[in-house]
N, C-alpha and C. Protein backbone atom coordinates (compact mmCIF):
# COMPACT_ATOMS: atom_id res chain seq x y z
N MET A 1 99.97 -143.08 -59.46
CA MET A 1 98.60 -143.41 -60.56
C MET A 1 97.48 -144.52 -59.86
N LYS A 2 98.24 -145.33 -58.99
CA LYS A 2 97.21 -146.32 -58.29
C LYS A 2 96.52 -145.68 -57.24
N HIS A 3 96.86 -144.61 -56.78
CA HIS A 3 96.29 -143.64 -55.94
C HIS A 3 95.06 -143.27 -56.43
N ILE A 4 95.00 -142.60 -57.57
CA ILE A 4 93.80 -142.20 -58.21
C ILE A 4 92.85 -143.23 -58.75
N GLY A 5 93.28 -144.41 -59.17
CA GLY A 5 92.43 -145.71 -59.39
C GLY A 5 91.60 -146.00 -58.10
N VAL A 6 92.39 -145.94 -56.97
CA VAL A 6 91.48 -146.28 -55.68
C VAL A 6 90.83 -145.40 -55.30
N SER A 7 91.02 -143.98 -55.49
CA SER A 7 90.13 -143.01 -55.22
C SER A 7 88.83 -143.14 -55.72
N VAL A 8 89.02 -143.48 -57.25
CA VAL A 8 87.54 -143.47 -58.03
C VAL A 8 87.05 -144.51 -57.79
N GLY A 9 87.68 -145.68 -57.24
CA GLY A 9 86.92 -146.73 -57.00
C GLY A 9 85.84 -146.32 -55.61
N TYR A 10 86.56 -145.71 -54.61
CA TYR A 10 85.69 -145.12 -53.39
C TYR A 10 84.49 -144.33 -53.93
N VAL A 11 84.81 -143.23 -54.91
CA VAL A 11 83.61 -142.54 -55.48
C VAL A 11 82.75 -143.38 -55.99
N LEU A 12 83.01 -144.13 -56.82
CA LEU A 12 81.98 -144.92 -57.50
C LEU A 12 81.20 -145.60 -56.47
N LEU A 13 82.03 -146.31 -55.54
CA LEU A 13 80.98 -146.90 -54.50
C LEU A 13 80.18 -145.92 -53.75
N PHE A 14 80.69 -144.76 -53.28
CA PHE A 14 80.03 -143.81 -52.80
C PHE A 14 78.85 -143.07 -53.35
N LEU A 15 78.87 -143.05 -55.08
CA LEU A 15 77.85 -142.82 -55.91
C LEU A 15 76.84 -143.94 -55.70
N PHE A 16 77.20 -145.12 -55.96
CA PHE A 16 76.22 -146.30 -55.91
C PHE A 16 75.60 -146.13 -54.58
N PHE A 17 76.11 -145.87 -53.46
CA PHE A 17 75.53 -145.75 -52.07
C PHE A 17 74.45 -144.92 -51.93
N CYS A 18 74.60 -143.66 -52.62
CA CYS A 18 74.00 -142.44 -52.59
C CYS A 18 72.69 -142.84 -53.45
N LEU A 19 72.80 -143.67 -54.62
CA LEU A 19 71.95 -143.95 -55.59
C LEU A 19 70.82 -144.90 -54.81
N ILE A 20 71.52 -145.70 -54.19
CA ILE A 20 70.56 -146.86 -53.56
C ILE A 20 69.99 -146.52 -52.15
N SER A 21 70.51 -145.35 -51.66
CA SER A 21 70.12 -144.87 -50.29
C SER A 21 69.03 -143.94 -50.31
N THR A 22 68.81 -143.23 -51.60
CA THR A 22 67.95 -142.28 -51.66
C THR A 22 66.32 -142.92 -52.09
N SER A 23 65.43 -142.33 -51.20
CA SER A 23 64.10 -143.11 -51.47
C SER A 23 63.19 -141.93 -52.47
N SER A 24 63.65 -140.36 -52.41
CA SER A 24 62.87 -139.66 -53.49
C SER A 24 63.33 -139.85 -54.61
N PHE A 25 62.62 -139.69 -55.56
CA PHE A 25 62.48 -140.18 -56.96
C PHE A 25 62.69 -141.79 -57.34
N ALA A 26 62.86 -142.48 -56.25
CA ALA A 26 63.05 -143.99 -56.42
C ALA A 26 62.27 -144.48 -57.38
N GLU A 27 61.03 -144.30 -57.33
CA GLU A 27 60.25 -144.92 -58.39
C GLU A 27 60.09 -144.21 -59.73
N HIS A 28 60.64 -142.94 -59.78
CA HIS A 28 60.88 -142.16 -61.12
C HIS A 28 62.31 -142.08 -61.49
N GLN A 29 62.71 -141.75 -62.79
CA GLN A 29 63.87 -141.46 -63.31
C GLN A 29 64.55 -140.19 -62.58
N ARG A 30 65.66 -140.27 -62.17
CA ARG A 30 66.41 -139.25 -61.54
C ARG A 30 66.92 -138.27 -62.64
N ILE A 31 65.76 -137.71 -63.23
CA ILE A 31 66.09 -136.54 -64.36
C ILE A 31 65.69 -135.34 -64.04
N VAL A 32 66.14 -134.15 -64.63
CA VAL A 32 65.89 -132.94 -64.48
C VAL A 32 64.18 -132.67 -64.29
N SER A 33 63.58 -133.31 -65.53
CA SER A 33 62.15 -132.92 -65.68
C SER A 33 61.51 -133.52 -64.37
N THR A 34 61.83 -134.70 -63.96
CA THR A 34 61.26 -135.26 -62.67
C THR A 34 61.48 -134.47 -61.67
N TYR A 35 62.56 -133.91 -61.49
CA TYR A 35 63.04 -132.91 -60.19
C TYR A 35 62.11 -131.73 -60.55
N LYS A 36 61.89 -131.11 -61.38
CA LYS A 36 61.19 -129.82 -61.96
C LYS A 36 59.74 -130.11 -61.43
N THR A 37 59.12 -131.31 -61.80
CA THR A 37 57.92 -131.51 -61.45
C THR A 37 57.69 -131.97 -59.76
N HIS A 38 58.73 -132.40 -59.19
CA HIS A 38 58.66 -132.64 -57.89
C HIS A 38 58.64 -131.47 -57.08
N ILE A 39 59.47 -130.46 -57.19
CA ILE A 39 59.57 -129.34 -56.52
C ILE A 39 58.56 -128.24 -56.74
N GLN A 40 57.65 -128.88 -57.75
CA GLN A 40 56.14 -128.00 -57.51
C GLN A 40 55.17 -128.84 -56.78
N SER A 41 55.36 -129.91 -56.20
CA SER A 41 54.40 -130.75 -55.67
C SER A 41 54.28 -130.26 -54.05
N ASN A 42 53.16 -130.67 -53.89
CA ASN A 42 52.69 -130.04 -52.24
C ASN A 42 53.63 -130.69 -51.47
N GLU A 43 54.26 -131.88 -51.55
CA GLU A 43 55.05 -132.69 -50.66
C GLU A 43 56.28 -131.67 -50.58
N HIS A 44 56.76 -131.05 -51.45
CA HIS A 44 58.14 -130.32 -51.75
C HIS A 44 57.79 -128.82 -50.99
N LYS A 45 57.00 -128.44 -51.50
CA LYS A 45 56.36 -126.96 -50.91
C LYS A 45 55.75 -127.02 -49.43
N ALA A 46 55.51 -128.28 -48.67
CA ALA A 46 55.39 -128.24 -47.25
C ALA A 46 56.61 -127.69 -46.44
N GLU A 47 57.49 -127.80 -47.31
CA GLU A 47 58.88 -127.44 -46.47
C GLU A 47 59.18 -128.52 -45.22
N ASP A 48 58.79 -129.56 -45.40
CA ASP A 48 58.98 -130.52 -44.27
C ASP A 48 60.67 -130.68 -44.08
N PHE A 49 61.10 -130.43 -43.00
CA PHE A 49 62.46 -130.41 -42.68
C PHE A 49 63.27 -131.68 -43.26
N GLY A 50 62.77 -132.90 -42.84
CA GLY A 50 63.30 -133.90 -43.22
C GLY A 50 63.42 -134.26 -44.80
N HIS A 51 62.16 -133.84 -45.60
CA HIS A 51 62.15 -133.66 -46.90
C HIS A 51 63.35 -132.59 -47.59
N GLN A 52 63.43 -131.54 -46.92
CA GLN A 52 64.46 -130.60 -47.57
C GLN A 52 65.91 -131.03 -46.90
N ILE A 53 66.05 -131.69 -45.89
CA ILE A 53 67.46 -132.46 -45.61
C ILE A 53 67.59 -133.36 -46.81
N HIS A 54 66.73 -134.34 -47.21
CA HIS A 54 67.01 -135.28 -48.21
C HIS A 54 67.46 -134.53 -49.27
N HIS A 55 66.70 -133.63 -49.80
CA HIS A 55 67.17 -132.90 -51.11
C HIS A 55 68.71 -132.67 -50.96
N MET A 56 69.12 -131.72 -49.91
CA MET A 56 70.30 -131.40 -49.69
C MET A 56 71.30 -132.48 -49.45
N LEU A 57 71.20 -133.47 -48.77
CA LEU A 57 72.08 -134.57 -48.68
C LEU A 57 72.41 -135.13 -50.09
N PHE A 58 71.15 -135.38 -50.85
CA PHE A 58 71.47 -136.00 -52.23
C PHE A 58 72.25 -135.00 -52.92
N LEU A 59 71.85 -133.77 -53.23
CA LEU A 59 72.92 -132.70 -53.95
C LEU A 59 74.03 -132.79 -53.46
N THR A 60 73.95 -132.67 -52.04
CA THR A 60 75.70 -132.55 -51.36
C THR A 60 76.45 -133.78 -51.73
N GLY A 61 75.91 -134.89 -51.68
CA GLY A 61 76.83 -136.14 -52.09
C GLY A 61 77.16 -135.87 -53.49
N ILE A 62 76.26 -135.57 -54.53
CA ILE A 62 76.62 -135.43 -55.86
C ILE A 62 78.10 -134.31 -56.00
N GLY A 63 77.58 -133.13 -55.39
CA GLY A 63 78.41 -131.96 -55.39
C GLY A 63 79.58 -132.06 -54.69
N ASP A 64 79.82 -132.59 -53.72
CA ASP A 64 81.06 -133.16 -53.00
C ASP A 64 81.88 -134.16 -53.78
N THR A 65 81.23 -135.19 -54.31
CA THR A 65 81.91 -135.96 -55.26
C THR A 65 82.86 -135.37 -56.59
N PHE A 66 81.91 -134.30 -57.07
CA PHE A 66 82.55 -133.39 -58.09
C PHE A 66 83.50 -132.54 -57.52
N HIS A 67 83.52 -131.98 -56.38
CA HIS A 67 84.67 -131.32 -55.64
C HIS A 67 85.69 -132.31 -55.58
N PHE A 68 85.63 -133.59 -55.13
CA PHE A 68 86.62 -134.53 -55.03
C PHE A 68 87.29 -134.78 -56.37
N LEU A 69 86.50 -134.84 -57.27
CA LEU A 69 86.93 -135.36 -58.55
C LEU A 69 87.95 -134.34 -59.36
N ASN A 70 87.78 -132.85 -58.72
CA ASN A 70 88.31 -131.60 -59.21
C ASN A 70 89.48 -131.75 -58.54
N SER A 71 89.62 -131.97 -57.30
CA SER A 71 90.93 -132.07 -56.62
C SER A 71 91.61 -133.11 -57.49
N GLU A 72 91.34 -134.59 -57.71
CA GLU A 72 92.02 -135.36 -58.52
C GLU A 72 92.39 -134.88 -59.79
N LYS A 73 91.76 -134.31 -60.55
CA LYS A 73 91.95 -133.61 -61.95
C LYS A 73 93.13 -132.77 -61.82
N GLU A 74 92.91 -131.81 -60.91
CA GLU A 74 94.05 -130.71 -60.53
C GLU A 74 95.34 -131.56 -60.34
N ALA A 75 95.26 -132.31 -59.38
CA ALA A 75 96.46 -132.98 -58.88
C ALA A 75 97.25 -133.82 -60.24
N ALA A 76 96.50 -134.39 -61.07
CA ALA A 76 96.86 -134.87 -62.19
C ALA A 76 97.30 -133.90 -63.38
N GLY A 77 97.11 -132.42 -63.02
CA GLY A 77 97.51 -131.59 -64.22
C GLY A 77 96.36 -131.60 -65.17
N GLU A 78 95.06 -131.78 -65.00
CA GLU A 78 94.10 -131.80 -65.87
C GLU A 78 92.94 -130.75 -65.50
N THR A 79 92.36 -130.21 -66.42
CA THR A 79 91.46 -129.26 -66.35
C THR A 79 90.29 -129.56 -65.28
N PRO A 80 89.94 -129.07 -64.37
CA PRO A 80 88.61 -129.40 -63.45
C PRO A 80 87.45 -129.24 -64.12
N PHE A 81 86.36 -129.73 -63.73
CA PHE A 81 85.15 -129.73 -64.10
C PHE A 81 84.45 -128.00 -64.06
N TYR A 82 84.96 -127.43 -62.94
CA TYR A 82 84.50 -126.00 -62.69
C TYR A 82 85.64 -125.66 -61.69
N CYS A 83 85.74 -124.33 -61.51
CA CYS A 83 86.83 -123.66 -60.93
C CYS A 83 86.01 -122.81 -59.62
N GLN A 84 85.66 -123.67 -58.66
CA GLN A 84 85.05 -123.00 -57.49
C GLN A 84 86.34 -122.21 -56.63
N PRO A 85 86.53 -121.24 -56.33
CA PRO A 85 87.37 -120.67 -55.64
C PRO A 85 87.66 -121.28 -54.29
N ILE A 86 89.10 -121.54 -54.11
CA ILE A 86 89.47 -122.24 -52.83
C ILE A 86 88.75 -121.72 -51.62
N SER A 87 88.41 -120.25 -51.50
CA SER A 87 87.91 -119.66 -50.16
C SER A 87 86.49 -119.86 -49.95
N THR A 88 85.92 -120.59 -51.32
CA THR A 88 84.25 -120.67 -51.14
C THR A 88 84.05 -122.08 -50.72
N ARG A 89 83.23 -122.15 -49.77
CA ARG A 89 82.95 -123.78 -49.25
C ARG A 89 81.64 -123.51 -49.62
N LEU A 90 81.00 -124.63 -50.08
CA LEU A 90 79.66 -124.96 -50.51
C LEU A 90 78.73 -125.98 -49.28
N THR A 91 77.55 -125.28 -48.95
CA THR A 91 76.55 -126.24 -48.12
C THR A 91 75.65 -126.99 -48.74
N GLY A 92 74.97 -127.88 -48.17
CA GLY A 92 73.98 -128.44 -49.05
C GLY A 92 73.01 -127.31 -49.34
N HIS A 93 72.67 -126.38 -48.74
CA HIS A 93 71.92 -125.31 -48.94
C HIS A 93 72.34 -124.54 -50.32
N ASP A 94 73.45 -124.40 -50.21
CA ASP A 94 74.31 -123.85 -51.54
C ASP A 94 74.02 -124.60 -52.73
N TYR A 95 74.38 -125.69 -52.62
CA TYR A 95 74.26 -126.74 -53.75
C TYR A 95 72.84 -126.81 -54.27
N GLN A 96 71.89 -126.84 -53.35
CA GLN A 96 70.33 -126.75 -53.86
C GLN A 96 69.94 -125.56 -54.50
N SER A 97 70.65 -124.53 -53.70
CA SER A 97 70.18 -123.15 -54.35
C SER A 97 70.68 -123.06 -55.76
N ILE A 98 71.82 -123.36 -56.19
CA ILE A 98 72.59 -123.14 -57.40
C ILE A 98 72.04 -123.93 -58.24
N PHE A 99 71.76 -125.37 -57.94
CA PHE A 99 70.98 -126.39 -58.85
C PHE A 99 69.80 -125.92 -59.27
N GLU A 100 68.78 -125.71 -58.33
CA GLU A 100 67.41 -125.23 -58.64
C GLU A 100 67.21 -123.83 -59.43
N ARG A 101 68.14 -123.03 -59.39
CA ARG A 101 68.07 -121.76 -59.95
C ARG A 101 68.47 -122.13 -61.45
N TYR A 102 69.53 -123.01 -61.55
CA TYR A 102 69.96 -123.33 -62.90
C TYR A 102 69.03 -124.01 -63.60
N ILE A 103 68.23 -125.12 -63.25
CA ILE A 103 67.41 -125.68 -63.74
C ILE A 103 66.16 -125.07 -64.13
N GLN A 104 65.61 -124.15 -63.30
CA GLN A 104 64.57 -123.20 -63.54
C GLN A 104 64.92 -122.32 -64.82
N SER A 105 66.27 -122.10 -65.10
CA SER A 105 66.64 -121.22 -66.31
C SER A 105 66.93 -121.79 -67.38
N ASN A 106 66.67 -123.24 -67.47
CA ASN A 106 66.82 -123.92 -68.62
C ASN A 106 65.80 -124.81 -68.86
N ASP A 107 65.16 -124.69 -69.97
CA ASP A 107 63.95 -125.65 -70.10
C ASP A 107 63.87 -126.09 -71.40
N SER A 108 65.06 -126.71 -72.24
CA SER A 108 64.72 -127.50 -73.49
C SER A 108 64.65 -128.86 -73.18
N SER A 109 64.09 -129.52 -73.94
CA SER A 109 63.57 -131.07 -73.69
C SER A 109 65.13 -131.72 -73.54
N GLU A 110 66.06 -131.32 -74.43
CA GLU A 110 67.39 -132.03 -74.15
C GLU A 110 68.02 -131.81 -72.61
N PHE A 111 67.87 -130.59 -72.28
CA PHE A 111 68.37 -130.26 -70.94
C PHE A 111 67.40 -131.28 -69.81
N ASN A 112 66.15 -131.12 -69.91
CA ASN A 112 65.16 -131.77 -69.00
C ASN A 112 65.35 -133.33 -69.00
N SER A 113 66.07 -133.62 -70.18
CA SER A 113 66.26 -135.13 -70.08
C SER A 113 67.55 -135.64 -69.17
N LEU A 114 68.50 -134.52 -68.85
CA LEU A 114 69.65 -134.89 -68.35
C LEU A 114 69.29 -135.33 -66.85
N THR A 115 70.42 -136.32 -66.49
CA THR A 115 70.19 -136.72 -65.17
C THR A 115 70.64 -135.78 -64.04
N ILE A 116 70.39 -135.76 -62.82
CA ILE A 116 70.58 -134.91 -61.73
C ILE A 116 72.08 -134.59 -61.66
N PRO A 117 72.95 -135.39 -61.59
CA PRO A 117 74.45 -135.20 -61.72
C PRO A 117 74.87 -134.49 -62.93
N GLU A 118 74.46 -134.73 -64.03
CA GLU A 118 74.77 -133.97 -65.18
C GLU A 118 74.31 -132.60 -65.17
N ALA A 119 73.36 -132.29 -64.52
CA ALA A 119 72.71 -131.09 -64.46
C ALA A 119 73.32 -130.28 -63.50
N LEU A 120 73.64 -130.88 -62.23
CA LEU A 120 74.38 -130.38 -61.14
C LEU A 120 75.96 -129.77 -61.56
N ARG A 121 76.45 -130.62 -62.53
CA ARG A 121 77.68 -130.37 -63.05
C ARG A 121 77.63 -128.96 -63.78
N LEU A 122 76.82 -128.86 -64.66
CA LEU A 122 76.42 -127.84 -65.61
C LEU A 122 76.16 -126.66 -64.62
N ALA A 123 75.50 -126.52 -63.63
CA ALA A 123 75.11 -125.65 -62.66
C ALA A 123 76.49 -125.07 -62.15
N LEU A 124 77.06 -126.18 -61.63
CA LEU A 124 78.29 -125.46 -60.92
C LEU A 124 79.42 -124.88 -62.10
N GLN A 125 79.50 -125.58 -63.22
CA GLN A 125 80.39 -124.98 -64.32
C GLN A 125 80.03 -123.35 -64.65
N ASP A 126 78.35 -123.23 -64.52
CA ASP A 126 78.01 -121.80 -64.97
C ASP A 126 78.10 -121.05 -63.84
N LYS A 127 78.02 -121.46 -62.41
CA LYS A 127 78.31 -120.65 -61.13
C LYS A 127 79.94 -120.40 -60.98
N PHE A 128 80.61 -121.32 -61.40
CA PHE A 128 82.17 -121.15 -61.32
C PHE A 128 82.89 -121.63 -62.54
N PRO A 129 82.91 -120.73 -63.35
CA PRO A 129 83.56 -121.17 -64.76
C PRO A 129 85.13 -120.99 -64.57
N CYS A 130 85.63 -121.75 -65.43
CA CYS A 130 87.16 -121.73 -65.25
C CYS A 130 87.66 -120.68 -66.18
N PRO A 131 88.72 -120.04 -65.99
CA PRO A 131 89.18 -119.00 -66.96
C PRO A 131 89.65 -119.69 -68.46
């Protein structure tokens, strides 16, 4: 049980690092509506490589954290957040595509006020539902 507590501490530290190290959205809330507005901006549409990598790294950090937490939940005999097949390995581009497709298909004000991690978790649950 101590192993899980230490692991969660590292995950929280990692998430904190991700939040303070990202400059995109730093002056805005990290919620779905802000992300939707941003991906319609000229800055995002310019397809600057550094800008795209920034998005991928941000979403990959969150996605990989959920993947890690899924492993911890499964090891503890708990139901995972989502059921990604073992043979499926997600890249930053995969996380970004899954996330952006999902947020474009959901437009309620309640959904748009979710944080990016909350929305990515829902997107992954939608993509990889558990039986």
